[in-house]
Amino acid sequence: MKKKVCFILIVTLLAAALSLNASAVLHQKQAKASYGSAEIDGKLDDAYKNSDPIEARFMSSIANQGTEDDVDRMATAVSYMLWDESNIYIYTEVTDSTPITNPLAGNSSDGIEMFFDFENINSAEASPIGRVGNYGELGVFLKTCAYAQAVGSQEYETVWIENFSTFQDEFLMSNPDCKIANVITPTGYISERRFPLNDELKAIIKEGFKFGFQIAILDDMTDDSARDLKITWGEAVDDISPATWGQSAHCDEILLTAAPEPPAPETEAEVPAVSEAAAPETVNPKTADPVVFLFAVSSLGAVAAAATKNKKNKNK
């Protein structure tokens, strides 16, 4: 009887696990973001090196003119994130073999999309707060077309999607502390961003806090203002894609950590003292033993006398 009950219980648990809502997605990847700050100038400040790299190398989707043959030369990226009491900072370097040169006709060209899910709505631990936009009342969506300045389409350098998240619409769009720097490089481009935290986020952003994050690199391979590939940090889970605007999207995870302890200052190595036993003996006539000193003087006198006597014998 007991065996039968156990069997039924196991079957019930398996059925429950298989029937989980597909939108409850476990975070697959995690990266640590160190405490620190950085200048928004497109340069990798040393503080970023205390954080884990976030590598976007998963070909998430193909669209428009893209084909399977393009995957081998798709853009890839590595990002680093920092945080402090007032801001989030993120630096991204993209390797792109097909940079665009034509003016933009829209905001879907080469660029970066970032999704910040501070309430962990798109995770297994769904927030009890109702969904507002795709990433909640505290969600943030950031987008840039990195080549916008270079091709004369400055209006697409910072892209805001209205009503995507209320926090973004109300707080970030006109905030002077929300800054971006895009720099074209010989191998692609660098994009560095900072966005300020509102009071609600300041209350929860602290060491040990975890939140959902996803980044997508848009790759326009045909220079027609339409992305052909999307490359992400996260990877697809069954039919659930990372970094999409639909409510089935999932985020991976950022863990906020303290800044590393500074290394202890180096101290000069102490020169070991030489013991009296190891020190070489020297004779100081002022402090030498009187007997030894008199013996030495007498010996010198005897030698001198013998030398004088020999000289006299030779002169005879």
C-alpha atoms as a PDB file:
ATOM      1  CA  MET A   1       0.000   0.000   0.000  1.00  0.00           C
ATOM      2  CA  LYS A   2       2.806   2.372   0.945  1.00  0.00           C
ATOM      3  CA  LYS A   3       4.568   1.708  -2.370  1.00  0.00           C
ATOM      4  CA  LYS A   4       1.378   2.532  -4.249  1.00  0.00           C
ATOM      5  CA  VAL A   5       0.946   5.821  -2.365  1.00  0.00           C
ATOM      6  CA  CYS A   6       4.567   6.791  -3.054  1.00  0.00           C
ATOM      7  CA  PHE A   7       4.156   5.985  -6.742  1.00  0.00           C
ATOM      8  CA  ILE A   8       1.016   8.105  -6.997  1.00  0.00           C
ATOM      9  CA  LEU A   9       2.774  10.997  -5.209  1.00  0.00           C
ATOM     10  CA  ILE A  10       5.746  10.866  -7.599  1.00  0.00           C
ATOM     11  CA  VAL A  11       3.476  10.816 -10.647  1.00  0.00           C
ATOM     12  CA  THR A  12       1.513  13.779  -9.258  1.00  0.00           C
ATOM     13  CA  LEU A  13       4.690  15.828  -8.675  1.00  0.00           C
ATOM     14  CA  LEU A  14       5.967  15.083 -12.183  1.00  0.00           C
ATOM     15  CA  ALA A  15       2.653  16.093 -13.714  1.00  0.00           C
ATOM     16  CA  ALA A  16       2.680  19.333 -11.741  1.00  0.00           C
ATOM     17  CA  ALA A  17       6.213  20.118 -12.892  1.00  0.00           C
ATOM     18  CA  LEU A  18       5.321  19.482 -16.525  1.00  0.00           C
ATOM     19  CA  SER A  19       2.236  21.650 -16.299  1.00  0.00           C
ATOM     20  CA  LEU A  20       4.084  24.770 -15.087  1.00  0.00           C
ATOM     21  CA  ASN A  21       3.198  27.925 -16.976  1.00  0.00           C
ATOM     22  CA  ALA A  22       5.747  28.408 -19.755  1.00  0.00           C
ATOM     23  CA  SER A  23       6.125  32.079 -18.799  1.00  0.00           C
ATOM     24  CA  ALA A  24       7.712  31.078 -15.480  1.00  0.00           C
ATOM     25  CA  VAL A  25      11.253  30.862 -16.734  1.00  0.00           C
ATOM     26  CA  LEU A  26      14.193  30.149 -14.508  1.00  0.00           C
ATOM     27  CA  HIS A  27      17.144  32.459 -14.863  1.00  0.00           C
ATOM     28  CA  GLN A  28      19.736  30.455 -16.770  1.00  0.00           C
ATOM     29  CA  LYS A  29      22.742  32.733 -16.549  1.00  0.00           C
ATOM     30  CA  GLN A  30      24.052  35.051 -13.870  1.00  0.00           C
ATOM     31  CA  ALA A  31      26.635  37.827 -13.936  1.00  0.00           C
ATOM     32  CA  LYS A  32      27.950  39.859 -11.025  1.00  0.00           C
ATOM     33  CA  ALA A  33      27.849  43.647 -11.213  1.00  0.00           C
ATOM     34  CA  SER A  34      30.334  45.314  -8.893  1.00  0.00           C
ATOM     35  CA  TYR A  35      29.726  48.465  -6.890  1.00  0.00           C
ATOM     36  CA  GLY A  36      31.420  51.421  -8.592  1.00  0.00           C
ATOM     37  CA  SER A  37      30.971  54.319 -10.982  1.00  0.00           C
ATOM     38  CA  ALA A  38      32.396  55.355 -14.349  1.00  0.00           C
ATOM     39  CA  GLU A  39      32.736  58.333 -16.671  1.00  0.00           C
ATOM     40  CA  ILE A  40      30.412  58.034 -19.669  1.00  0.00           C
ATOM     41  CA  ASP A  41      33.011  58.498 -22.387  1.00  0.00           C
ATOM     42  CA  GLY A  42      33.148  55.170 -24.231  1.00  0.00           C
ATOM     43  CA  LYS A  43      36.250  54.031 -22.348  1.00  0.00           C
ATOM     44  CA  LEU A  44      36.512  50.934 -20.167  1.00  0.00           C
ATOM     45  CA  ASP A  45      37.126  52.323 -16.675  1.00  0.00           C
ATOM     46  CA  ASP A  46      39.040  50.043 -14.333  1.00  0.00           C
ATOM     47  CA  ALA A  47      35.982  49.665 -12.081  1.00  0.00           C
ATOM     48  CA  TYR A  48      34.186  47.705 -14.828  1.00  0.00           C
ATOM     49  CA  LYS A  49      36.871  45.025 -14.638  1.00  0.00           C
ATOM     50  CA  ASN A  50      35.603  44.054 -11.179  1.00  0.00           C
ATOM     51  CA  SER A  51      32.341  42.849 -12.778  1.00  0.00           C
ATOM     52  CA  ASP A  52      31.666  39.666 -14.747  1.00  0.00           C
ATOM     53  CA  PRO A  53      31.598  39.867 -18.550  1.00  0.00           C
ATOM     54  CA  ILE A  54      28.135  39.553 -20.128  1.00  0.00           C
ATOM     55  CA  GLU A  55      28.714  37.981 -23.529  1.00  0.00           C
ATOM     56  CA  ALA A  56      26.090  38.245 -26.277  1.00  0.00           C
ATOM     57  CA  ARG A  57      26.849  35.334 -28.616  1.00  0.00           C
ATOM     58  CA  PHE A  58      23.521  33.489 -29.001  1.00  0.00           C
ATOM     59  CA  MET A  59      21.790  33.925 -32.369  1.00  0.00           C
ATOM     60  CA  SER A  60      18.282  34.586 -31.081  1.00  0.00           C
ATOM     61  CA  SER A  61      16.373  35.259 -34.304  1.00  0.00           C
ATOM     62  CA  ILE A  62      16.647  35.930 -38.045  1.00  0.00           C
ATOM     63  CA  ALA A  63      14.502  38.539 -39.787  1.00  0.00           C
ATOM     64  CA  ASN A  64      14.176  40.602 -42.967  1.00  0.00           C
ATOM     65  CA  GLN A  65      17.118  39.885 -45.302  1.00  0.00           C
ATOM     66  CA  GLY A  66      18.987  37.677 -42.856  1.00  0.00           C
ATOM     67  CA  THR A  67      19.728  34.028 -43.623  1.00  0.00           C
ATOM     68  CA  GLU A  68      21.372  31.070 -41.933  1.00  0.00           C
ATOM     69  CA  ASP A  69      24.489  31.833 -43.975  1.00  0.00           C
ATOM     70  CA  ASP A  70      24.874  35.140 -42.082  1.00  0.00           C
ATOM     71  CA  VAL A  71      25.245  33.528 -38.668  1.00  0.00           C
ATOM     72  CA  ASP A  72      28.963  32.841 -39.095  1.00  0.00           C
ATOM     73  CA  ARG A  73      29.652  36.579 -39.401  1.00  0.00           C
ATOM     74  CA  MET A  74      27.065  37.893 -36.958  1.00  0.00           C
ATOM     75  CA  ALA A  75      27.907  40.675 -34.535  1.00  0.00           C
ATOM     76  CA  THR A  76      28.932  39.712 -30.994  1.00  0.00           C
ATOM     77  CA  ALA A  77      29.361  41.775 -27.840  1.00  0.00           C
ATOM     78  CA  VAL A  78      30.708  41.824 -24.301  1.00  0.00           C
ATOM     79  CA  SER A  79      29.255  44.069 -21.597  1.00  0.00           C
ATOM     80  CA  TYR A  80      30.122  45.030 -18.023  1.00  0.00           C
ATOM     81  CA  MET A  81      27.749  46.569 -15.476  1.00  0.00           C
ATOM     82  CA  LEU A  82      28.339  48.762 -12.401  1.00  0.00           C
ATOM     83  CA  TRP A  83      26.005  50.208  -9.782  1.00  0.00           C
ATOM     84  CA  ASP A  84      26.021  52.739  -6.992  1.00  0.00           C
ATOM     85  CA  GLU A  85      23.409  54.435  -4.803  1.00  0.00           C
ATOM     86  CA  SER A  86      22.215  56.672  -7.640  1.00  0.00           C
ATOM     87  CA  ASN A  87      22.913  55.027 -11.017  1.00  0.00           C
ATOM     88  CA  ILE A  88      23.340  51.931 -13.142  1.00  0.00           C
ATOM     89  CA  TYR A  89      26.259  51.946 -15.603  1.00  0.00           C
ATOM     90  CA  ILE A  90      26.786  49.574 -18.516  1.00  0.00           C
ATOM     91  CA  TYR A  91      29.624  49.387 -21.026  1.00  0.00           C
ATOM     92  CA  THR A  92      29.255  47.322 -24.204  1.00  0.00           C
ATOM     93  CA  GLU A  93      31.835  46.632 -26.905  1.00  0.00           C
ATOM     94  CA  VAL A  94      30.430  45.193 -30.130  1.00  0.00           C
ATOM     95  CA  THR A  95      32.369  43.402 -32.855  1.00  0.00           C
ATOM     96  CA  ASP A  96      30.545  44.095 -36.120  1.00  0.00           C
ATOM     97  CA  SER A  97      31.904  43.043 -39.531  1.00  0.00           C
ATOM     98  CA  THR A  98      29.081  44.752 -41.462  1.00  0.00           C
ATOM     99  CA  PRO A  99      28.841  48.378 -40.236  1.00  0.00           C
ATOM    100  CA  ILE A 100      26.201  50.566 -41.822  1.00  0.00           C
ATOM    101  CA  THR A 101      26.991  53.716 -43.827  1.00  0.00           C
ATOM    102  CA  ASN A 102      23.597  54.960 -45.069  1.00  0.00           C
ATOM    103  CA  PRO A 103      21.352  57.406 -43.168  1.00  0.00           C
ATOM    104  CA  LEU A 104      18.750  55.598 -41.078  1.00  0.00           C
ATOM    105  CA  ALA A 105      15.126  55.270 -42.114  1.00  0.00           C
ATOM    106  CA  GLY A 106      14.063  53.835 -38.741  1.00  0.00           C
ATOM    107  CA  ASN A 107      15.304  52.600 -35.389  1.00  0.00           C
ATOM    108  CA  SER A 108      15.713  48.919 -36.225  1.00  0.00           C
ATOM    109  CA  SER A 109      19.227  49.111 -37.653  1.00  0.00           C
ATOM    110  CA  ASP A 110      22.527  48.136 -36.010  1.00  0.00           C
ATOM    111  CA  GLY A 111      22.228  48.788 -32.313  1.00  0.00           C
ATOM    112  CA  ILE A 112      21.601  47.569 -28.789  1.00  0.00           C
ATOM    113  CA  GLU A 113      18.479  46.841 -26.766  1.00  0.00           C
ATOM    114  CA  MET A 114      18.644  46.421 -22.973  1.00  0.00           C
ATOM    115  CA  PHE A 115      15.904  45.065 -20.724  1.00  0.00           C
ATOM    116  CA  PHE A 116      16.019  45.655 -16.944  1.00  0.00           C
ATOM    117  CA  ASP A 117      13.460  43.568 -15.049  1.00  0.00           C
ATOM    118  CA  PHE A 118      13.918  44.914 -11.506  1.00  0.00           C
ATOM    119  CA  GLU A 119      10.750  43.201 -10.241  1.00  0.00           C
ATOM    120  CA  ASN A 120      11.716  39.822 -11.739  1.00  0.00           C
ATOM    121  CA  ILE A 121       8.426  39.605 -13.597  1.00  0.00           C
ATOM    122  CA  ASN A 122       9.933  37.523 -16.396  1.00  0.00           C
ATOM    123  CA  SER A 123      11.400  34.881 -14.110  1.00  0.00           C
ATOM    124  CA  ALA A 124      10.215  31.907 -12.110  1.00  0.00           C
ATOM    125  CA  GLU A 125       9.562  34.193  -9.136  1.00  0.00           C
ATOM    126  CA  ALA A 126       6.929  36.405 -10.788  1.00  0.00           C
ATOM    127  CA  SER A 127       6.188  39.683  -9.058  1.00  0.00           C
ATOM    128  CA  PRO A 128       2.804  40.007  -7.342  1.00  0.00           C
ATOM    129  CA  ILE A 129       2.528  43.481  -8.852  1.00  0.00           C
ATOM    130  CA  GLY A 130       0.459  43.501 -12.033  1.00  0.00           C
ATOM    131  CA  ARG A 131       2.362  43.780 -15.293  1.00  0.00           C
ATOM    132  CA  VAL A 132       2.676  47.339 -16.597  1.00  0.00           C
ATOM    133  CA  GLY A 133       4.273  47.349 -20.004  1.00  0.00           C
ATOM    134  CA  ASN A 134       6.536  44.332 -20.420  1.00  0.00           C
ATOM    135  CA  TYR A 135       8.836  44.737 -17.429  1.00  0.00           C
ATOM    136  CA  GLY A 136       6.677  46.276 -14.733  1.00  0.00           C
ATOM    137  CA  GLU A 137       6.328  49.643 -13.092  1.00  0.00           C
ATOM    138  CA  LEU A 138      10.058  49.668 -12.369  1.00  0.00           C
ATOM    139  CA  GLY A 139      11.091  48.145 -15.699  1.00  0.00           C
ATOM    140  CA  VAL A 140      13.581  49.891 -17.957  1.00  0.00           C
ATOM    141  CA  PHE A 141      14.064  49.463 -21.687  1.00  0.00           C
ATOM    142  CA  LEU A 142      17.007  51.222 -23.345  1.00  0.00           C
ATOM    143  CA  LYS A 143      17.840  51.271 -27.028  1.00  0.00           C
ATOM    144  CA  THR A 144      20.460  52.930 -29.211  1.00  0.00           C
ATOM    145  CA  CYS A 145      21.355  52.833 -32.889  1.00  0.00           C
ATOM    146  CA  ALA A 146      25.085  53.026 -32.443  1.00  0.00           C
ATOM    147  CA  TYR A 147      26.010  54.396 -35.882  1.00  0.00           C
ATOM    148  CA  ALA A 148      23.337  57.138 -35.801  1.00  0.00           C
ATOM    149  CA  GLN A 149      25.746  60.033 -35.294  1.00  0.00           C
ATOM    150  CA  ALA A 150      28.219  58.723 -37.867  1.00  0.00           C
ATOM    151  CA  VAL A 151      25.590  58.451 -40.640  1.00  0.00           C
ATOM    152  CA  GLY A 152      23.844  61.751 -39.868  1.00  0.00           C
ATOM    153  CA  SER A 153      20.790  60.320 -38.102  1.00  0.00           C
ATOM    154  CA  GLN A 154      21.292  61.709 -34.590  1.00  0.00           C
ATOM    155  CA  GLU A 155      17.599  61.335 -33.741  1.00  0.00           C
ATOM    156  CA  TYR A 156      18.089  57.569 -33.469  1.00  0.00           C
ATOM    157  CA  GLU A 157      21.047  57.588 -31.107  1.00  0.00           C
ATOM    158  CA  THR A 158      18.745  57.374 -28.085  1.00  0.00           C
ATOM    159  CA  VAL A 159      15.503  55.549 -28.808  1.00  0.00           C
ATOM    160  CA  TRP A 160      12.544  55.642 -26.414  1.00  0.00           C
ATOM    161  CA  ILE A 161       9.609  53.300 -26.868  1.00  0.00           C
ATOM    162  CA  GLU A 162       6.550  55.019 -25.404  1.00  0.00           C
ATOM    163  CA  ASN A 163       4.514  53.146 -22.805  1.00  0.00           C
ATOM    164  CA  PHE A 164       7.031  50.311 -22.674  1.00  0.00           C
ATOM    165  CA  SER A 165       7.563  50.970 -18.971  1.00  0.00           C
ATOM    166  CA  THR A 166       6.163  53.741 -16.837  1.00  0.00           C
ATOM    167  CA  PHE A 167       9.445  54.294 -15.008  1.00  0.00           C
ATOM    168  CA  GLN A 168      11.209  55.034 -18.275  1.00  0.00           C
ATOM    169  CA  ASP A 169       8.504  57.326 -19.634  1.00  0.00           C
ATOM    170  CA  GLU A 170       8.102  59.405 -16.497  1.00  0.00           C
ATOM    171  CA  PHE A 171      11.635  59.588 -15.198  1.00  0.00           C
ATOM    172  CA  LEU A 172      14.306  58.928 -17.815  1.00  0.00           C
ATOM    173  CA  MET A 173      13.328  60.509 -21.101  1.00  0.00           C
ATOM    174  CA  SER A 174      14.111  64.089 -20.066  1.00  0.00           C
ATOM    175  CA  ASN A 175      16.552  63.378 -17.234  1.00  0.00           C
ATOM    176  CA  PRO A 176      19.953  65.042 -17.835  1.00  0.00           C
ATOM    177  CA  ASP A 177      21.675  62.354 -15.750  1.00  0.00           C
ATOM    178  CA  CYS A 178      20.660  59.723 -18.298  1.00  0.00           C
ATOM    179  CA  LYS A 179      23.694  59.725 -20.601  1.00  0.00           C
ATOM    180  CA  ILE A 180      25.060  57.728 -23.520  1.00  0.00           C
ATOM    181  CA  ALA A 181      28.346  57.656 -25.447  1.00  0.00           C
ATOM    182  CA  ASN A 182      28.678  55.758 -28.737  1.00  0.00           C
ATOM    183  CA  VAL A 183      32.153  55.397 -30.223  1.00  0.00           C
ATOM    184  CA  ILE A 184      32.943  53.836 -33.608  1.00  0.00           C
ATOM    185  CA  THR A 185      35.971  51.510 -33.541  1.00  0.00           C
ATOM    186  CA  PRO A 186      37.967  49.718 -36.264  1.00  0.00           C
ATOM    187  CA  THR A 187      36.142  46.472 -35.389  1.00  0.00           C
ATOM    188  CA  GLY A 188      32.649  47.766 -34.600  1.00  0.00           C
ATOM    189  CA  TYR A 189      31.517  50.144 -31.879  1.00  0.00           C
ATOM    190  CA  ILE A 190      31.373  50.852 -28.161  1.00  0.00           C
ATOM    191  CA  SER A 191      28.243  52.000 -26.355  1.00  0.00           C
ATOM    192  CA  GLU A 192      28.333  53.170 -22.750  1.00  0.00           C
ATOM    193  CA  ARG A 193      25.261  54.244 -20.772  1.00  0.00           C
ATOM    194  CA  ARG A 194      24.271  55.542 -17.387  1.00  0.00           C
ATOM    195  CA  PHE A 195      20.743  55.913 -16.102  1.00  0.00           C
ATOM    196  CA  PRO A 196      19.688  57.300 -12.711  1.00  0.00           C
ATOM    197  CA  LEU A 197      17.578  55.419 -10.192  1.00  0.00           C
ATOM    198  CA  ASN A 198      14.285  56.779  -8.967  1.00  0.00           C
ATOM    199  CA  ASP A 199      13.399  56.670  -5.265  1.00  0.00           C
ATOM    200  CA  GLU A 200      11.740  53.247  -5.474  1.00  0.00           C
ATOM    201  CA  LEU A 201      14.796  51.683  -7.046  1.00  0.00           C
ATOM    202  CA  LYS A 202      17.150  53.431  -4.639  1.00  0.00           C
ATOM    203  CA  ALA A 203      15.323  51.625  -1.840  1.00  0.00           C
ATOM    204  CA  ILE A 204      16.065  48.159  -3.275  1.00  0.00           C
ATOM    205  CA  ILE A 205      19.327  48.550  -5.219  1.00  0.00           C
ATOM    206  CA  LYS A 206      21.909  47.299  -2.749  1.00  0.00           C
ATOM    207  CA  GLU A 207      24.518  44.584  -2.322  1.00  0.00           C
ATOM    208  CA  GLY A 208      23.015  41.115  -2.777  1.00  0.00           C
ATOM    209  CA  PHE A 209      19.987  42.283  -4.797  1.00  0.00           C
ATOM    210  CA  LYS A 210      19.189  40.228  -7.920  1.00  0.00           C
ATOM    211  CA  PHE A 211      17.194  41.341 -10.925  1.00  0.00           C
ATOM    212  CA  GLY A 212      16.409  40.224 -14.447  1.00  0.00           C
ATOM    213  CA  PHE A 213      18.491  41.555 -17.322  1.00  0.00           C
ATOM    214  CA  GLN A 214      18.771  40.835 -21.015  1.00  0.00           C
ATOM    215  CA  ILE A 215      20.722  42.448 -23.821  1.00  0.00           C
ATOM    216  CA  ALA A 216      20.162  42.099 -27.563  1.00  0.00           C
ATOM    217  CA  ILE A 217      22.510  43.154 -30.361  1.00  0.00           C
ATOM    218  CA  LEU A 218      20.698  44.110 -33.557  1.00  0.00           C
ATOM    219  CA  ASP A 219      22.723  43.375 -36.696  1.00  0.00           C
ATOM    220  CA  ASP A 220      21.715  45.108 -39.932  1.00  0.00           C
ATOM    221  CA  MET A 221      23.828  43.189 -42.425  1.00  0.00           C
ATOM    222  CA  THR A 222      22.430  44.745 -45.630  1.00  0.00           C
ATOM    223  CA  ASP A 223      22.559  48.463 -44.671  1.00  0.00           C
ATOM    224  CA  ASP A 224      18.831  48.960 -45.269  1.00  0.00           C
ATOM    225  CA  SER A 225      17.762  50.225 -41.815  1.00  0.00           C
ATOM    226  CA  ALA A 226      16.301  46.846 -40.853  1.00  0.00           C
ATOM    227  CA  ARG A 227      17.905  44.380 -38.493  1.00  0.00           C
ATOM    228  CA  ASP A 228      18.622  40.975 -40.002  1.00  0.00           C
ATOM    229  CA  LEU A 229      19.844  39.141 -36.901  1.00  0.00           C
ATOM    230  CA  LYS A 230      19.302  39.470 -33.169  1.00  0.00           C
ATOM    231  CA  ILE A 231      22.084  38.209 -30.886  1.00  0.00           C
ATOM    232  CA  THR A 232      21.520  37.879 -27.135  1.00  0.00           C
ATOM    233  CA  TRP A 233      23.225  37.023 -23.849  1.00  0.00           C
ATOM    234  CA  GLY A 234      20.497  34.594 -22.847  1.00  0.00           C
ATOM    235  CA  GLU A 235      19.489  31.563 -24.848  1.00  0.00           C
ATOM    236  CA  ALA A 236      16.034  30.383 -25.846  1.00  0.00           C
ATOM    237  CA  VAL A 237      14.118  28.100 -23.482  1.00  0.00           C
ATOM    238  CA  ASP A 238      11.813  25.844 -25.504  1.00  0.00           C
ATOM    239  CA  ASP A 239       9.585  28.329 -27.361  1.00  0.00           C
ATOM    240  CA  ILE A 240      10.429  31.243 -25.091  1.00  0.00           C
ATOM    241  CA  SER A 241      12.907  33.677 -26.591  1.00  0.00           C
ATOM    242  CA  PRO A 242      15.157  36.045 -24.663  1.00  0.00           C
ATOM    243  CA  ALA A 243      14.913  39.813 -25.069  1.00  0.00           C
ATOM    244  CA  THR A 244      11.678  40.090 -26.986  1.00  0.00           C
ATOM    245  CA  TRP A 245       8.889  42.572 -26.456  1.00  0.00           C
ATOM    246  CA  GLY A 246       6.259  39.906 -26.004  1.00  0.00           C
ATOM    247  CA  GLN A 247       5.178  38.802 -22.540  1.00  0.00           C
ATOM    248  CA  SER A 248       6.765  35.396 -23.097  1.00  0.00           C
ATOM    249  CA  ALA A 249      10.266  36.895 -23.047  1.00  0.00           C
ATOM    250  CA  HIS A 250      12.643  35.897 -20.288  1.00  0.00           C
ATOM    251  CA  CYS A 251      15.551  37.622 -18.626  1.00  0.00           C
ATOM    252  CA  ASP A 252      18.679  36.235 -17.071  1.00  0.00           C
ATOM    253  CA  GLU A 253      20.065  37.537 -13.801  1.00  0.00           C
ATOM    254  CA  ILE A 254      22.351  40.235 -12.431  1.00  0.00           C
ATOM    255  CA  LEU A 255      23.689  39.947  -8.881  1.00  0.00           C
ATOM    256  CA  LEU A 256      24.884  43.184  -7.263  1.00  0.00           C
ATOM    257  CA  THR A 257      28.122  42.793  -5.318  1.00  0.00           C
ATOM    258  CA  ALA A 258      30.328  45.035  -3.228  1.00  0.00           C
ATOM    259  CA  ALA A 259      33.484  46.552  -4.622  1.00  0.00           C
ATOM    260  CA  PRO A 260      36.506  44.315  -4.018  1.00  0.00           C
ATOM    261  CA  GLU A 261      38.692  45.099  -1.054  1.00  0.00           C
ATOM    262  CA  PRO A 262      41.749  47.173  -2.020  1.00  0.00           C
ATOM    263  CA  PRO A 263      45.030  45.248  -1.812  1.00  0.00           C
ATOM    264  CA  ALA A 264      46.993  45.669   1.399  1.00  0.00           C
ATOM    265  CA  PRO A 265      49.803  48.238   1.096  1.00  0.00           C
ATOM    266  CA  GLU A 266      53.205  46.738   0.527  1.00  0.00           C
ATOM    267  CA  THR A 267      55.672  47.112   3.415  1.00  0.00           C
ATOM    268  CA  GLU A 268      59.443  47.272   3.082  1.00  0.00           C
ATOM    269  CA  ALA A 269      61.114  44.020   3.997  1.00  0.00           C
ATOM    270  CA  GLU A 270      62.939  44.320   7.311  1.00  0.00           C
ATOM    271  CA  VAL A 271      66.700  43.728   7.191  1.00  0.00           C
ATOM    272  CA  PRO A 272      67.453  40.953   9.670  1.00  0.00           C
ATOM    273  CA  ALA A 273      69.622  42.089  12.571  1.00  0.00           C
ATOM    274  CA  VAL A 274      73.104  40.565  12.701  1.00  0.00           C
ATOM    275  CA  SER A 275      73.685  38.826  16.008  1.00  0.00           C
ATOM    276  CA  GLU A 276      76.845  39.486  17.990  1.00  0.00           C
ATOM    277  CA  ALA A 277      77.841  35.862  17.591  1.00  0.00           C
ATOM    278  CA  ALA A 278      77.720  36.123  13.799  1.00  0.00           C
ATOM    279  CA  ALA A 279      79.493  39.500  13.583  1.00  0.00           C
ATOM    280  CA  PRO A 280      83.171  39.361  12.546  1.00  0.00           C
ATOM    281  CA  GLU A 281      85.635  40.105  15.315  1.00  0.00           C
ATOM    282  CA  THR A 282      87.724  43.273  15.072  1.00  0.00           C
ATOM    283  CA  VAL A 283      90.454  44.513  17.334  1.00  0.00           C
ATOM    284  CA  ASN A 284      90.249  48.070  18.529  1.00  0.00           C
ATOM    285  CA  PRO A 285      93.478  49.094  20.202  1.00  0.00           C
ATOM    286  CA  LYS A 286      91.584  51.441  22.464  1.00  0.00           C
ATOM    287  CA  THR A 287      89.312  48.708  23.774  1.00  0.00           C
ATOM    288  CA  ALA A 288      91.400  45.580  23.205  1.00  0.00           C
ATOM    289  CA  ASP A 289      92.538  43.451  26.118  1.00  0.00           C
ATOM    290  CA  PRO A 290      95.673  45.194  27.673  1.00  0.00           C
ATOM    291  CA  VAL A 291      97.573  41.902  27.875  1.00  0.00           C
ATOM    292  CA  VAL A 292      97.017  41.184  24.204  1.00  0.00           C
ATOM    293  CA  PHE A 293      98.015  44.727  23.317  1.00  0.00           C
ATOM    294  CA  LEU A 294     101.265  44.559  25.338  1.00  0.00           C
ATOM    295  CA  PHE A 295     102.101  41.191  23.798  1.00  0.00           C
ATOM    296  CA  ALA A 296     101.674  42.635  20.325  1.00  0.00           C
ATOM    297  CA  VAL A 297     103.898  45.645  21.146  1.00  0.00           C
ATOM    298  CA  SER A 298     106.586  43.399  22.647  1.00  0.00           C
ATOM    299  CA  SER A 299     106.562  41.194  19.574  1.00  0.00           C
ATOM    300  CA  LEU A 300     107.021  44.152  17.291  1.00  0.00           C
ATOM    301  CA  GLY A 301     109.915  45.364  19.491  1.00  0.00           C
ATOM    302  CA  ALA A 302     111.622  41.987  19.324  1.00  0.00           C
ATOM    303  CA  VAL A 303     111.330  41.850  15.569  1.00  0.00           C
ATOM    304  CA  ALA A 304     112.791  45.337  15.275  1.00  0.00           C
ATOM    305  CA  ALA A 305     115.712  44.482  17.562  1.00  0.00           C
ATOM    306  CA  ALA A 306     116.513  41.312  15.606  1.00  0.00           C
ATOM    307  CA  ALA A 307     116.521  43.264  12.369  1.00  0.00           C
ATOM    308  CA  THR A 308     118.956  45.870  13.840  1.00  0.00           C
ATOM    309  CA  LYS A 309     121.344  43.142  15.062  1.00  0.00           C
ATOM    310  CA  ASN A 310     121.472  41.460  11.705  1.00  0.00           C
ATOM    311  CA  LYS A 311     122.260  44.742  10.013  1.00  0.00           C
ATOM    312  CA  LYS A 312     125.198  45.356  12.369  1.00  0.00           C
ATOM    313  CA  ASN A 313     126.624  41.883  11.716  1.00  0.00           C
ATOM    314  CA  LYS A 314     126.580  42.517   7.985  1.00  0.00           C
ATOM    315  CA  ASN A 315     128.497  45.781   8.372  1.00  0.00           C
ATOM    316  CA  LYS A 316     131.371  44.159  10.227  1.00  0.00           C
END
